[in-house]
Amino acid sequence: MNPIDALLEQHPVFSHFGAGERAELARRAQRRETSKGEVISLYGDVWPYLLMIERGRVNGVKESSEGRQLIVLSLGAGEVFWGLAFFKEGAGTPVTMIAPEASRLYLWHRNVLVPLLLGNGPALWSLTQLMITRMQQVSEIVEGLAFQPVAARLAGLILKQFGQAGDTSVERSLTLDEMAAMVGSTREMVCRILYRFADESLIEVTRTEFKLTDEAGLAELANQV
């Protein structure tokens, strides 16, 4: 089975299509190989596509007039993203989509996918549920920025990394700039807080990894408002 066939069969939206429809979608997909840091779509672009990630990562980034960045969305293998113009003709994309590492993506224009979705209620319902999940994720980010100090947001980000790895040590796969963009702060502030966490024996920081030494303490900090 080709990678795209497996992705379509396993995805909660595309799994509702029959084998013949999935084969047609695989045939009509636009494969895109991106390099590290490549922009997929710019803020404001009319981008009428839905994309699926085979490998790599895609970030949705908001940028202030001063040049500060906030990562509001980070997607990995098997996940999908859509431009607003996929649903509403002429609508601009609200974020800049960037591949922070070399990635392989599959894209479908709305003209290809929307007719199939309109004819498949369960698939359309699953996509609606996915949209609600994304709205909840963005709401949590906004609440964190509004009510949580930077240290609490950074503690939550680190705990999320440990939870994904299922271990007490994780590779430092994110740069300081990326971590700052994910918690709405600066590189310098993130660096200072990380070493404060280390001084308080919450984590150990090495050049290549974080080691979790006090999960309960880090969790308590992450829940501060």
N, C-alpha and C. Protein backbone atom coordinates (compact mmCIF):
# COMPACT_ATOMS: atom_id res chain seq x y z
N MET A 1 0.84 -1.19 0.00
CA MET A 1 0.00 0.00 0.00
C MET A 1 0.88 1.25 0.00
N ASN A 2 0.57 2.19 -0.91
CA ASN A 2 1.31 3.44 -0.94
C ASN A 2 1.03 4.26 0.31
N PRO A 3 2.00 5.12 0.71
CA PRO A 3 1.80 5.92 1.92
C PRO A 3 0.52 6.74 1.89
N ILE A 4 0.19 7.35 0.77
CA ILE A 4 -1.01 8.17 0.70
C ILE A 4 -2.27 7.32 0.86
N ASP A 5 -2.25 6.09 0.35
CA ASP A 5 -3.41 5.21 0.50
C ASP A 5 -3.64 4.89 1.97
N ALA A 6 -2.55 4.63 2.70
CA ALA A 6 -2.68 4.32 4.12
C ALA A 6 -3.16 5.54 4.90
N LEU A 7 -2.64 6.73 4.56
CA LEU A 7 -3.07 7.95 5.25
C LEU A 7 -4.57 8.18 5.06
N LEU A 8 -5.05 8.02 3.84
CA LEU A 8 -6.46 8.25 3.57
C LEU A 8 -7.34 7.22 4.28
N GLU A 9 -6.92 5.98 4.27
CA GLU A 9 -7.72 4.92 4.89
C GLU A 9 -7.82 5.10 6.41
N GLN A 10 -6.76 5.64 7.03
CA GLN A 10 -6.72 5.75 8.49
C GLN A 10 -7.28 7.07 9.01
N HIS A 11 -7.41 8.08 8.16
CA HIS A 11 -7.84 9.38 8.64
C HIS A 11 -9.33 9.39 8.94
N PRO A 12 -9.75 10.03 10.05
CA PRO A 12 -11.17 9.99 10.44
C PRO A 12 -12.12 10.62 9.43
N VAL A 13 -11.63 11.52 8.58
CA VAL A 13 -12.48 12.10 7.53
C VAL A 13 -12.49 11.21 6.29
N PHE A 14 -11.32 10.90 5.77
CA PHE A 14 -11.23 10.17 4.50
C PHE A 14 -11.61 8.70 4.62
N SER A 15 -11.57 8.16 5.82
CA SER A 15 -11.93 6.75 5.99
C SER A 15 -13.40 6.50 5.66
N HIS A 16 -14.22 7.56 5.63
CA HIS A 16 -15.64 7.40 5.31
C HIS A 16 -15.88 7.23 3.81
N PHE A 17 -14.87 7.50 3.00
CA PHE A 17 -15.02 7.29 1.56
C PHE A 17 -14.75 5.83 1.21
N GLY A 18 -15.36 5.39 0.13
CA GLY A 18 -15.11 4.03 -0.33
C GLY A 18 -13.73 3.89 -0.95
N ALA A 19 -13.32 2.65 -1.16
CA ALA A 19 -11.98 2.39 -1.69
C ALA A 19 -11.78 3.05 -3.05
N GLY A 20 -12.80 3.04 -3.89
CA GLY A 20 -12.67 3.65 -5.20
C GLY A 20 -12.50 5.16 -5.12
N GLU A 21 -13.25 5.80 -4.21
CA GLU A 21 -13.13 7.25 -4.05
C GLU A 21 -11.76 7.62 -3.48
N ARG A 22 -11.27 6.82 -2.52
CA ARG A 22 -9.93 7.10 -1.97
C ARG A 22 -8.86 6.92 -3.03
N ALA A 23 -9.01 5.93 -3.89
CA ALA A 23 -8.04 5.74 -4.97
C ALA A 23 -8.04 6.94 -5.91
N GLU A 24 -9.23 7.50 -6.20
CA GLU A 24 -9.32 8.67 -7.06
C GLU A 24 -8.69 9.88 -6.38
N LEU A 25 -8.91 10.04 -5.06
CA LEU A 25 -8.28 11.13 -4.32
C LEU A 25 -6.77 11.00 -4.32
N ALA A 26 -6.28 9.79 -4.15
CA ALA A 26 -4.83 9.57 -4.18
C ALA A 26 -4.27 9.94 -5.54
N ARG A 27 -5.00 9.61 -6.60
CA ARG A 27 -4.54 9.91 -7.96
C ARG A 27 -4.51 11.41 -8.22
N ARG A 28 -5.46 12.15 -7.65
CA ARG A 28 -5.59 13.57 -7.95
C ARG A 28 -4.88 14.47 -6.93
N ALA A 29 -4.23 13.85 -5.94
CA ALA A 29 -3.51 14.65 -4.95
C ALA A 29 -2.28 15.30 -5.58
N GLN A 30 -1.99 16.53 -5.15
CA GLN A 30 -0.77 17.22 -5.57
C GLN A 30 0.29 16.99 -4.48
N ARG A 31 1.33 16.23 -4.81
CA ARG A 31 2.37 15.99 -3.82
C ARG A 31 3.35 17.16 -3.80
N ARG A 32 3.69 17.59 -2.60
CA ARG A 32 4.63 18.72 -2.46
C ARG A 32 5.71 18.36 -1.45
N GLU A 33 6.95 18.46 -1.87
CA GLU A 33 8.10 18.25 -1.00
C GLU A 33 8.61 19.63 -0.57
N THR A 34 8.68 19.87 0.72
CA THR A 34 9.13 21.17 1.21
C THR A 34 10.49 21.04 1.89
N SER A 35 11.26 22.10 1.81
CA SER A 35 12.53 22.17 2.54
C SER A 35 12.29 22.84 3.89
N LYS A 36 13.26 22.77 4.77
CA LYS A 36 13.15 23.38 6.09
C LYS A 36 12.94 24.88 5.96
N GLY A 37 11.89 25.38 6.63
CA GLY A 37 11.61 26.81 6.61
C GLY A 37 10.81 27.29 5.42
N GLU A 38 10.40 26.39 4.54
CA GLU A 38 9.67 26.80 3.34
C GLU A 38 8.25 27.26 3.69
N VAL A 39 7.83 28.36 3.08
CA VAL A 39 6.48 28.88 3.27
C VAL A 39 5.52 28.16 2.34
N ILE A 40 4.43 27.67 2.90
CA ILE A 40 3.41 26.98 2.11
C ILE A 40 2.35 27.96 1.63
N SER A 41 1.91 28.83 2.53
CA SER A 41 1.00 29.91 2.15
C SER A 41 1.22 31.08 3.10
N LEU A 42 1.10 32.28 2.58
CA LEU A 42 1.30 33.49 3.37
C LEU A 42 -0.01 33.98 3.97
N TYR A 43 0.12 34.69 5.08
CA TYR A 43 -1.04 35.35 5.68
C TYR A 43 -1.75 36.19 4.62
N GLY A 44 -3.06 36.01 4.52
CA GLY A 44 -3.84 36.77 3.56
C GLY A 44 -3.98 36.13 2.20
N ASP A 45 -3.19 35.08 1.91
CA ASP A 45 -3.32 34.41 0.62
C ASP A 45 -4.70 33.77 0.46
N VAL A 46 -5.24 33.84 -0.73
CA VAL A 46 -6.44 33.06 -1.06
C VAL A 46 -5.95 31.68 -1.47
N TRP A 47 -6.08 30.74 -0.56
CA TRP A 47 -5.44 29.43 -0.70
C TRP A 47 -6.53 28.35 -0.55
N PRO A 48 -7.15 27.93 -1.65
CA PRO A 48 -8.34 27.06 -1.58
C PRO A 48 -8.01 25.57 -1.54
N TYR A 49 -7.13 25.19 -0.63
CA TYR A 49 -6.66 23.80 -0.58
C TYR A 49 -6.88 23.19 0.81
N LEU A 50 -6.95 21.88 0.82
CA LEU A 50 -6.81 21.09 2.04
C LEU A 50 -5.53 20.28 1.88
N LEU A 51 -4.68 20.30 2.90
CA LEU A 51 -3.44 19.53 2.82
C LEU A 51 -3.41 18.45 3.89
N MET A 52 -2.70 17.39 3.59
CA MET A 52 -2.44 16.31 4.55
C MET A 52 -0.94 16.10 4.61
N ILE A 53 -0.43 15.88 5.81
CA ILE A 53 1.00 15.71 6.02
C ILE A 53 1.35 14.22 6.04
N GLU A 54 2.23 13.81 5.15
CA GLU A 54 2.73 12.43 5.21
C GLU A 54 3.87 12.31 6.21
N ARG A 55 4.82 13.24 6.12
CA ARG A 55 5.93 13.27 7.07
C ARG A 55 6.37 14.71 7.25
N GLY A 56 6.97 14.98 8.41
CA GLY A 56 7.41 16.34 8.70
C GLY A 56 6.41 17.07 9.58
N ARG A 57 6.39 18.38 9.45
CA ARG A 57 5.59 19.22 10.33
C ARG A 57 5.22 20.51 9.61
N VAL A 58 4.07 21.05 9.98
CA VAL A 58 3.61 22.33 9.43
C VAL A 58 3.13 23.20 10.59
N ASN A 59 3.60 24.44 10.65
CA ASN A 59 3.19 25.38 11.68
C ASN A 59 2.36 26.51 11.09
N GLY A 60 1.36 26.93 11.85
CA GLY A 60 0.59 28.13 11.53
C GLY A 60 1.11 29.27 12.39
N VAL A 61 1.57 30.34 11.77
CA VAL A 61 2.29 31.40 12.47
C VAL A 61 1.58 32.75 12.28
N LYS A 62 1.38 33.46 13.39
CA LYS A 62 0.91 34.85 13.36
C LYS A 62 2.12 35.74 13.67
N GLU A 63 2.21 36.88 12.99
CA GLU A 63 3.34 37.78 13.19
C GLU A 63 2.84 39.19 13.47
N SER A 64 3.44 39.81 14.50
CA SER A 64 3.07 41.18 14.86
C SER A 64 3.76 42.18 13.95
N SER A 65 3.34 43.44 14.03
CA SER A 65 3.96 44.48 13.22
C SER A 65 5.41 44.70 13.61
N GLU A 66 5.78 44.28 14.85
CA GLU A 66 7.17 44.40 15.31
C GLU A 66 8.02 43.21 14.91
N GLY A 67 7.39 42.21 14.28
CA GLY A 67 8.14 41.04 13.83
C GLY A 67 8.14 39.87 14.79
N ARG A 68 7.45 39.99 15.94
CA ARG A 68 7.35 38.86 16.86
C ARG A 68 6.39 37.83 16.31
N GLN A 69 6.71 36.55 16.54
CA GLN A 69 5.90 35.48 16.00
C GLN A 69 5.21 34.68 17.11
N LEU A 70 4.04 34.15 16.77
CA LEU A 70 3.31 33.26 17.66
C LEU A 70 2.85 32.06 16.84
N ILE A 71 3.27 30.86 17.24
CA ILE A 71 2.82 29.65 16.57
C ILE A 71 1.47 29.26 17.18
N VAL A 72 0.41 29.36 16.41
CA VAL A 72 -0.92 29.06 16.90
C VAL A 72 -1.37 27.65 16.54
N LEU A 73 -0.60 26.98 15.70
CA LEU A 73 -0.97 25.65 15.25
C LEU A 73 0.29 24.91 14.84
N SER A 74 0.42 23.67 15.28
CA SER A 74 1.55 22.84 14.88
C SER A 74 1.02 21.45 14.57
N LEU A 75 1.19 21.01 13.33
CA LEU A 75 0.62 19.76 12.86
C LEU A 75 1.72 18.80 12.43
N GLY A 76 1.47 17.50 12.65
CA GLY A 76 2.43 16.48 12.28
C GLY A 76 1.83 15.46 11.32
N ALA A 77 2.53 14.36 11.16
CA ALA A 77 2.16 13.33 10.18
C ALA A 77 0.72 12.86 10.40
N GLY A 78 -0.02 12.75 9.30
CA GLY A 78 -1.39 12.27 9.34
C GLY A 78 -2.43 13.32 9.59
N GLU A 79 -2.01 14.56 9.90
CA GLU A 79 -2.97 15.62 10.20
C GLU A 79 -3.24 16.46 8.95
N VAL A 80 -4.36 17.20 9.00
CA VAL A 80 -4.76 18.00 7.85
C VAL A 80 -4.94 19.47 8.25
N PHE A 81 -4.84 20.34 7.24
CA PHE A 81 -5.09 21.77 7.41
C PHE A 81 -5.76 22.27 6.14
N TRP A 82 -6.58 23.32 6.29
CA TRP A 82 -7.29 23.88 5.15
C TRP A 82 -7.19 25.40 5.18
N GLY A 83 -7.11 26.00 4.01
CA GLY A 83 -7.23 27.45 3.92
C GLY A 83 -8.69 27.84 4.04
N LEU A 84 -8.96 29.06 4.51
CA LEU A 84 -10.36 29.49 4.61
C LEU A 84 -11.04 29.47 3.25
N ALA A 85 -10.27 29.71 2.19
CA ALA A 85 -10.84 29.71 0.85
C ALA A 85 -11.26 28.31 0.40
N PHE A 86 -10.88 27.28 1.14
CA PHE A 86 -11.39 25.94 0.85
C PHE A 86 -12.90 25.90 1.09
N PHE A 87 -13.36 26.67 2.11
CA PHE A 87 -14.78 26.70 2.45
C PHE A 87 -15.49 27.94 1.91
N LYS A 88 -14.79 29.07 1.87
CA LYS A 88 -15.41 30.32 1.45
C LYS A 88 -14.56 30.95 0.35
N GLU A 89 -15.11 31.02 -0.83
CA GLU A 89 -14.35 31.54 -1.96
C GLU A 89 -13.85 32.96 -1.70
N GLY A 90 -12.57 33.18 -1.99
CA GLY A 90 -11.98 34.50 -1.86
C GLY A 90 -11.48 34.84 -0.48
N ALA A 91 -11.70 33.99 0.52
CA ALA A 91 -11.27 34.28 1.90
C ALA A 91 -9.77 34.11 2.04
N GLY A 92 -9.12 35.03 2.75
CA GLY A 92 -7.68 34.96 2.97
C GLY A 92 -7.32 34.06 4.13
N THR A 93 -6.17 33.41 4.02
CA THR A 93 -5.69 32.54 5.09
C THR A 93 -5.27 33.38 6.30
N PRO A 94 -5.73 33.05 7.53
CA PRO A 94 -5.48 33.89 8.70
C PRO A 94 -4.10 33.75 9.31
N VAL A 95 -3.30 32.80 8.82
CA VAL A 95 -1.95 32.59 9.35
C VAL A 95 -1.01 32.32 8.18
N THR A 96 0.28 32.45 8.43
CA THR A 96 1.28 31.99 7.47
C THR A 96 1.62 30.54 7.80
N MET A 97 1.56 29.67 6.82
CA MET A 97 1.85 28.26 7.03
C MET A 97 3.29 27.97 6.58
N ILE A 98 4.08 27.43 7.51
CA ILE A 98 5.50 27.19 7.27
C ILE A 98 5.84 25.75 7.64
N ALA A 99 6.70 25.13 6.87
CA ALA A 99 7.24 23.81 7.21
C ALA A 99 8.56 24.01 7.96
N PRO A 100 8.60 23.80 9.28
CA PRO A 100 9.83 24.03 10.02
C PRO A 100 10.90 22.96 9.80
N GLU A 101 10.53 21.92 9.08
CA GLU A 101 11.49 20.87 8.71
C GLU A 101 11.10 20.32 7.36
N ALA A 102 11.99 19.59 6.72
CA ALA A 102 11.68 18.99 5.41
C ALA A 102 10.44 18.11 5.56
N SER A 103 9.46 18.31 4.69
CA SER A 103 8.17 17.63 4.84
C SER A 103 7.65 17.18 3.48
N ARG A 104 6.75 16.21 3.55
CA ARG A 104 6.03 15.76 2.35
C ARG A 104 4.54 15.95 2.60
N LEU A 105 3.91 16.70 1.69
CA LEU A 105 2.50 17.05 1.85
C LEU A 105 1.72 16.59 0.62
N TYR A 106 0.41 16.38 0.83
CA TYR A 106 -0.51 16.14 -0.27
C TYR A 106 -1.60 17.21 -0.21
N LEU A 107 -1.91 17.82 -1.35
CA LEU A 107 -2.87 18.89 -1.42
C LEU A 107 -4.00 18.54 -2.38
N TRP A 108 -5.22 18.99 -2.00
CA TRP A 108 -6.38 18.86 -2.87
C TRP A 108 -7.05 20.22 -2.98
N HIS A 109 -7.30 20.67 -4.20
CA HIS A 109 -8.05 21.89 -4.44
C HIS A 109 -9.52 21.66 -4.06
N ARG A 110 -10.19 22.71 -3.63
CA ARG A 110 -11.59 22.59 -3.22
C ARG A 110 -12.47 22.02 -4.35
N ASN A 111 -12.12 22.29 -5.59
CA ASN A 111 -12.92 21.79 -6.70
C ASN A 111 -12.89 20.27 -6.79
N VAL A 112 -11.82 19.68 -6.26
CA VAL A 112 -11.69 18.21 -6.25
C VAL A 112 -12.43 17.60 -5.07
N LEU A 113 -12.25 18.18 -3.90
CA LEU A 113 -12.70 17.54 -2.67
C LEU A 113 -14.11 17.93 -2.22
N VAL A 114 -14.49 19.18 -2.40
CA VAL A 114 -15.79 19.62 -1.89
C VAL A 114 -16.97 18.82 -2.46
N PRO A 115 -17.01 18.54 -3.77
CA PRO A 115 -18.14 17.74 -4.27
C PRO A 115 -18.25 16.37 -3.59
N LEU A 116 -17.13 15.75 -3.28
CA LEU A 116 -17.16 14.46 -2.60
C LEU A 116 -17.67 14.62 -1.17
N LEU A 117 -17.23 15.68 -0.48
CA LEU A 117 -17.68 15.91 0.89
C LEU A 117 -19.18 16.17 0.94
N LEU A 118 -19.69 16.94 -0.01
CA LEU A 118 -21.12 17.26 -0.02
C LEU A 118 -21.98 16.01 -0.26
N GLY A 119 -21.38 15.00 -0.86
CA GLY A 119 -22.11 13.77 -1.10
C GLY A 119 -21.88 12.70 -0.05
N ASN A 120 -21.15 13.04 1.01
CA ASN A 120 -20.82 12.04 2.04
C ASN A 120 -21.02 12.67 3.42
N GLY A 121 -22.19 12.48 3.99
CA GLY A 121 -22.53 13.08 5.28
C GLY A 121 -21.57 12.72 6.40
N PRO A 122 -21.23 11.44 6.61
CA PRO A 122 -20.31 11.09 7.70
C PRO A 122 -18.93 11.75 7.56
N ALA A 123 -18.40 11.84 6.33
CA ALA A 123 -17.11 12.49 6.13
C ALA A 123 -17.21 13.98 6.45
N LEU A 124 -18.28 14.61 6.00
CA LEU A 124 -18.47 16.04 6.25
C LEU A 124 -18.64 16.30 7.74
N TRP A 125 -19.35 15.41 8.43
CA TRP A 125 -19.54 15.55 9.89
C TRP A 125 -18.20 15.41 10.61
N SER A 126 -17.37 14.47 10.19
CA SER A 126 -16.05 14.28 10.82
C SER A 126 -15.17 15.51 10.61
N LEU A 127 -15.25 16.12 9.42
CA LEU A 127 -14.48 17.33 9.17
C LEU A 127 -14.99 18.47 10.05
N THR A 128 -16.29 18.55 10.25
CA THR A 128 -16.86 19.56 11.14
C THR A 128 -16.35 19.37 12.57
N GLN A 129 -16.31 18.15 13.04
CA GLN A 129 -15.80 17.87 14.38
C GLN A 129 -14.33 18.27 14.50
N LEU A 130 -13.57 18.03 13.43
CA LEU A 130 -12.16 18.41 13.44
C LEU A 130 -12.03 19.93 13.51
N MET A 131 -12.89 20.64 12.81
CA MET A 131 -12.86 22.10 12.87
C MET A 131 -13.16 22.61 14.28
N ILE A 132 -14.11 21.97 14.97
CA ILE A 132 -14.43 22.35 16.35
C ILE A 132 -13.23 22.10 17.26
N THR A 133 -12.54 21.00 17.06
CA THR A 133 -11.34 20.70 17.85
C THR A 133 -10.29 21.79 17.66
N ARG A 134 -10.09 22.23 16.42
CA ARG A 134 -9.12 23.29 16.15
C ARG A 134 -9.53 24.59 16.84
N MET A 135 -10.81 24.89 16.82
CA MET A 135 -11.30 26.10 17.49
C MET A 135 -11.02 26.03 19.00
N GLN A 136 -11.21 24.84 19.59
CA GLN A 136 -10.93 24.67 21.01
C GLN A 136 -9.44 24.87 21.29
N GLN A 137 -8.59 24.34 20.42
CA GLN A 137 -7.15 24.48 20.61
C GLN A 137 -6.73 25.95 20.57
N VAL A 138 -7.26 26.69 19.59
CA VAL A 138 -6.94 28.11 19.49
C VAL A 138 -7.47 28.87 20.70
N SER A 139 -8.67 28.50 21.18
CA SER A 139 -9.23 29.15 22.36
C SER A 139 -8.33 28.95 23.58
N GLU A 140 -7.77 27.75 23.72
CA GLU A 140 -6.86 27.47 24.84
C GLU A 140 -5.61 28.33 24.74
N ILE A 141 -5.10 28.53 23.52
CA ILE A 141 -3.92 29.37 23.33
C ILE A 141 -4.24 30.81 23.73
N VAL A 142 -5.38 31.31 23.29
CA VAL A 142 -5.77 32.69 23.61
C VAL A 142 -5.95 32.86 25.11
N GLU A 143 -6.59 31.90 25.77
CA GLU A 143 -6.77 31.97 27.21
C GLU A 143 -5.43 31.97 27.93
N GLY A 144 -4.50 31.13 27.46
CA GLY A 144 -3.18 31.08 28.08
C GLY A 144 -2.46 32.40 27.95
N LEU A 145 -2.50 33.00 26.76
CA LEU A 145 -1.84 34.28 26.54
C LEU A 145 -2.46 35.38 27.40
N ALA A 146 -3.78 35.29 27.60
CA ALA A 146 -4.48 36.34 28.34
C ALA A 146 -4.31 36.21 29.84
N PHE A 147 -4.24 34.97 30.34
CA PHE A 147 -4.34 34.78 31.78
C PHE A 147 -3.15 34.09 32.44
N GLN A 148 -2.27 33.45 31.67
CA GLN A 148 -1.16 32.72 32.27
C GLN A 148 0.15 33.47 32.09
N PRO A 149 1.02 33.45 33.12
CA PRO A 149 2.36 34.01 32.93
C PRO A 149 3.18 33.14 31.98
N VAL A 150 4.25 33.72 31.44
CA VAL A 150 5.07 33.02 30.46
C VAL A 150 5.62 31.71 31.04
N ALA A 151 6.03 31.73 32.29
CA ALA A 151 6.61 30.52 32.90
C ALA A 151 5.60 29.38 32.91
N ALA A 152 4.33 29.69 33.19
CA ALA A 152 3.30 28.66 33.21
C ALA A 152 3.08 28.10 31.81
N ARG A 153 3.07 28.97 30.80
CA ARG A 153 2.88 28.51 29.43
C ARG A 153 4.05 27.64 28.98
N LEU A 154 5.25 28.01 29.37
CA LEU A 154 6.43 27.23 28.99
C LEU A 154 6.43 25.88 29.70
N ALA A 155 6.03 25.86 30.97
CA ALA A 155 5.93 24.59 31.71
C ALA A 155 4.93 23.67 31.03
N GLY A 156 3.80 24.22 30.58
CA GLY A 156 2.81 23.40 29.89
C GLY A 156 3.33 22.85 28.58
N LEU A 157 4.09 23.65 27.86
CA LEU A 157 4.67 23.19 26.59
C LEU A 157 5.64 22.04 26.82
N ILE A 158 6.49 22.16 27.84
CA ILE A 158 7.47 21.10 28.12
C ILE A 158 6.76 19.83 28.55
N LEU A 159 5.73 19.95 29.39
CA LEU A 159 4.98 18.76 29.82
C LEU A 159 4.33 18.07 28.63
N LYS A 160 3.84 18.87 27.68
CA LYS A 160 3.23 18.29 26.49
C LYS A 160 4.26 17.48 25.71
N GLN A 161 5.49 17.98 25.63
CA GLN A 161 6.54 17.23 24.93
C GLN A 161 6.85 15.92 25.63
N PHE A 162 6.93 15.94 26.98
CA PHE A 162 7.17 14.71 27.72
C PHE A 162 6.02 13.74 27.53
N GLY A 163 4.79 14.26 27.53
CA GLY A 163 3.63 13.39 27.35
C GLY A 163 3.62 12.71 26.00
N GLN A 164 4.03 13.43 24.95
CA GLN A 164 4.07 12.85 23.62
C GLN A 164 5.15 11.78 23.51
N ALA A 165 6.26 11.99 24.23
CA ALA A 165 7.36 11.04 24.16
C ALA A 165 7.13 9.83 25.06
N GLY A 166 6.32 10.01 26.12
CA GLY A 166 6.07 8.93 27.06
C GLY A 166 7.30 8.51 27.83
N ASP A 167 8.20 9.46 28.10
CA ASP A 167 9.46 9.14 28.77
C ASP A 167 9.83 10.30 29.68
N THR A 168 10.89 10.11 30.49
CA THR A 168 11.34 11.17 31.39
C THR A 168 12.43 12.02 30.77
N SER A 169 12.78 11.76 29.52
CA SER A 169 13.73 12.61 28.82
C SER A 169 13.26 12.76 27.37
N VAL A 170 13.41 13.97 26.84
CA VAL A 170 12.99 14.22 25.46
C VAL A 170 14.07 15.01 24.74
N GLU A 171 14.19 14.75 23.46
CA GLU A 171 15.13 15.47 22.63
C GLU A 171 14.70 16.92 22.49
N ARG A 172 15.67 17.84 22.48
CA ARG A 172 15.35 19.24 22.27
C ARG A 172 15.14 19.48 20.78
N SER A 173 13.95 19.09 20.32
CA SER A 173 13.65 19.19 18.88
C SER A 173 13.22 20.58 18.48
N LEU A 174 12.81 21.40 19.45
CA LEU A 174 12.40 22.77 19.17
C LEU A 174 13.52 23.73 19.51
N THR A 175 13.73 24.71 18.66
CA THR A 175 14.72 25.75 18.96
C THR A 175 14.12 26.72 19.98
N LEU A 176 14.98 27.55 20.56
CA LEU A 176 14.49 28.56 21.50
C LEU A 176 13.53 29.52 20.80
N ASP A 177 13.81 29.84 19.56
CA ASP A 177 12.92 30.73 18.81
C ASP A 177 11.55 30.09 18.61
N GLU A 178 11.53 28.78 18.31
CA GLU A 178 10.25 28.10 18.12
C GLU A 178 9.48 28.01 19.44
N MET A 179 10.19 27.72 20.53
CA MET A 179 9.51 27.67 21.83
C MET A 179 8.94 29.03 22.19
N ALA A 180 9.70 30.08 21.92
CA ALA A 180 9.23 31.44 22.21
C ALA A 180 7.97 31.74 21.39
N ALA A 181 7.98 31.34 20.13
CA ALA A 181 6.82 31.58 19.27
C ALA A 181 5.60 30.79 19.72
N MET A 182 5.81 29.65 20.37
CA MET A 182 4.69 28.82 20.81
C MET A 182 4.09 29.31 22.12
N VAL A 183 4.84 30.07 22.90
CA VAL A 183 4.31 30.58 24.17
C VAL A 183 4.13 32.09 24.16
N GLY A 184 4.35 32.72 23.01
CA GLY A 184 4.12 34.15 22.90
C GLY A 184 5.11 34.99 23.68
N SER A 185 6.39 34.64 23.60
CA SER A 185 7.41 35.38 24.34
C SER A 185 8.62 35.60 23.44
N THR A 186 9.78 35.85 24.08
CA THR A 186 11.01 36.07 23.33
C THR A 186 12.01 34.95 23.61
N ARG A 187 12.96 34.82 22.72
CA ARG A 187 14.01 33.80 22.87
C ARG A 187 14.75 33.98 24.18
N GLU A 188 15.07 35.24 24.53
CA GLU A 188 15.84 35.51 25.75
C GLU A 188 15.05 35.14 27.00
N MET A 189 13.74 35.46 26.99
CA MET A 189 12.90 35.13 28.15
C MET A 189 12.78 33.62 28.33
N VAL A 190 12.58 32.90 27.23
CA VAL A 190 12.48 31.44 27.30
C VAL A 190 13.77 30.84 27.85
N CYS A 191 14.90 31.33 27.40
CA CYS A 191 16.19 30.83 27.88
C CYS A 191 16.32 31.04 29.38
N ARG A 192 15.97 32.23 29.86
CA ARG A 192 16.07 32.51 31.30
C ARG A 192 15.16 31.61 32.12
N ILE A 193 13.93 31.40 31.62
CA ILE A 193 12.99 30.58 32.38
C ILE A 193 13.42 29.12 32.40
N LEU A 194 13.95 28.62 31.30
CA LEU A 194 14.42 27.24 31.28
C LEU A 194 15.49 27.01 32.33
N TYR A 195 16.40 27.94 32.43
CA TYR A 195 17.46 27.75 33.42
C TYR A 195 16.97 28.02 34.84
N ARG A 196 15.90 28.79 34.97
CA ARG A 196 15.25 28.91 36.28
C ARG A 196 14.62 27.59 36.67
N PHE A 197 13.96 26.94 35.71
CA PHE A 197 13.39 25.61 35.98
C PHE A 197 14.49 24.64 36.42
N ALA A 198 15.64 24.72 35.77
CA ALA A 198 16.75 23.84 36.13
C ALA A 198 17.26 24.15 37.53
N ASP A 199 17.38 25.44 37.86
CA ASP A 199 17.83 25.83 39.20
C ASP A 199 16.86 25.35 40.27
N GLU A 200 15.57 25.27 39.93
CA GLU A 200 14.56 24.83 40.89
C GLU A 200 14.36 23.31 40.85
N SER A 201 15.23 22.62 40.10
CA SER A 201 15.23 21.15 40.00
C SER A 201 13.94 20.59 39.42
N LEU A 202 13.29 21.36 38.55
CA LEU A 202 12.11 20.86 37.86
C LEU A 202 12.50 20.04 36.64
N ILE A 203 13.56 20.50 35.95
CA ILE A 203 14.09 19.78 34.80
C ILE A 203 15.61 19.90 34.82
N GLU A 204 16.25 19.03 34.02
CA GLU A 204 17.67 19.18 33.73
C GLU A 204 17.79 19.55 32.25
N VAL A 205 18.61 20.53 31.96
CA VAL A 205 18.76 21.02 30.60
C VAL A 205 20.16 20.69 30.10
N THR A 206 20.23 19.95 29.01
CA THR A 206 21.51 19.72 28.35
C THR A 206 21.43 20.30 26.94
N ARG A 207 22.50 20.21 26.20
CA ARG A 207 22.53 20.76 24.85
C ARG A 207 21.56 20.03 23.94
N THR A 208 21.29 18.75 24.22
CA THR A 208 20.51 17.93 23.30
C THR A 208 19.15 17.48 23.83
N GLU A 209 18.90 17.60 25.15
CA GLU A 209 17.65 17.08 25.68
C GLU A 209 17.23 17.76 26.98
N PHE A 210 15.95 17.55 27.31
CA PHE A 210 15.42 17.91 28.63
C PHE A 210 15.20 16.62 29.41
N LYS A 211 15.51 16.66 30.70
CA LYS A 211 15.19 15.54 31.58
C LYS A 211 14.22 16.02 32.65
N LEU A 212 13.14 15.28 32.82
CA LEU A 212 12.11 15.65 33.77
C LEU A 212 12.49 15.14 35.15
N THR A 213 12.65 16.04 36.11
CA THR A 213 13.05 15.65 37.47
C THR A 213 11.95 15.89 38.50
N ASP A 214 10.98 16.74 38.20
CA ASP A 214 9.89 17.01 39.13
C ASP A 214 8.63 17.30 38.33
N GLU A 215 7.96 16.23 37.90
CA GLU A 215 6.77 16.39 37.06
C GLU A 215 5.66 17.11 37.81
N ALA A 216 5.46 16.75 39.10
CA ALA A 216 4.39 17.37 39.88
C ALA A 216 4.63 18.87 40.03
N GLY A 217 5.88 19.25 40.28
CA GLY A 217 6.19 20.66 40.43
C GLY A 217 5.99 21.43 39.13
N LEU A 218 6.38 20.81 38.02
CA LEU A 218 6.20 21.46 36.72
C LEU A 218 4.71 21.58 36.39
N ALA A 219 3.93 20.53 36.72
CA ALA A 219 2.50 20.57 36.46
C ALA A 219 1.81 21.63 37.30
N GLU A 220 2.23 21.79 38.55
CA GLU A 220 1.66 22.82 39.41
C GLU A 220 1.93 24.20 38.83
N LEU A 221 3.14 24.39 38.34
CA LEU A 221 3.49 25.67 37.73
C LEU A 221 2.68 25.91 36.47
N ALA A 222 2.47 24.86 35.67
CA ALA A 222 1.73 25.00 34.42
C ALA A 222 0.28 25.39 34.64
N ASN A 223 -0.27 25.09 35.82
CA ASN A 223 -1.66 25.39 36.12
C ASN A 223 -1.86 26.75 36.78
N GLN A 224 -0.78 27.50 36.94
CA GLN A 224 -0.90 28.82 37.56
C GLN A 224 -1.61 29.80 36.62
N VAL A 225 -2.39 30.68 37.20
CA VAL A 225 -3.04 31.75 36.44
C VAL A 225 -2.78 33.07 37.12
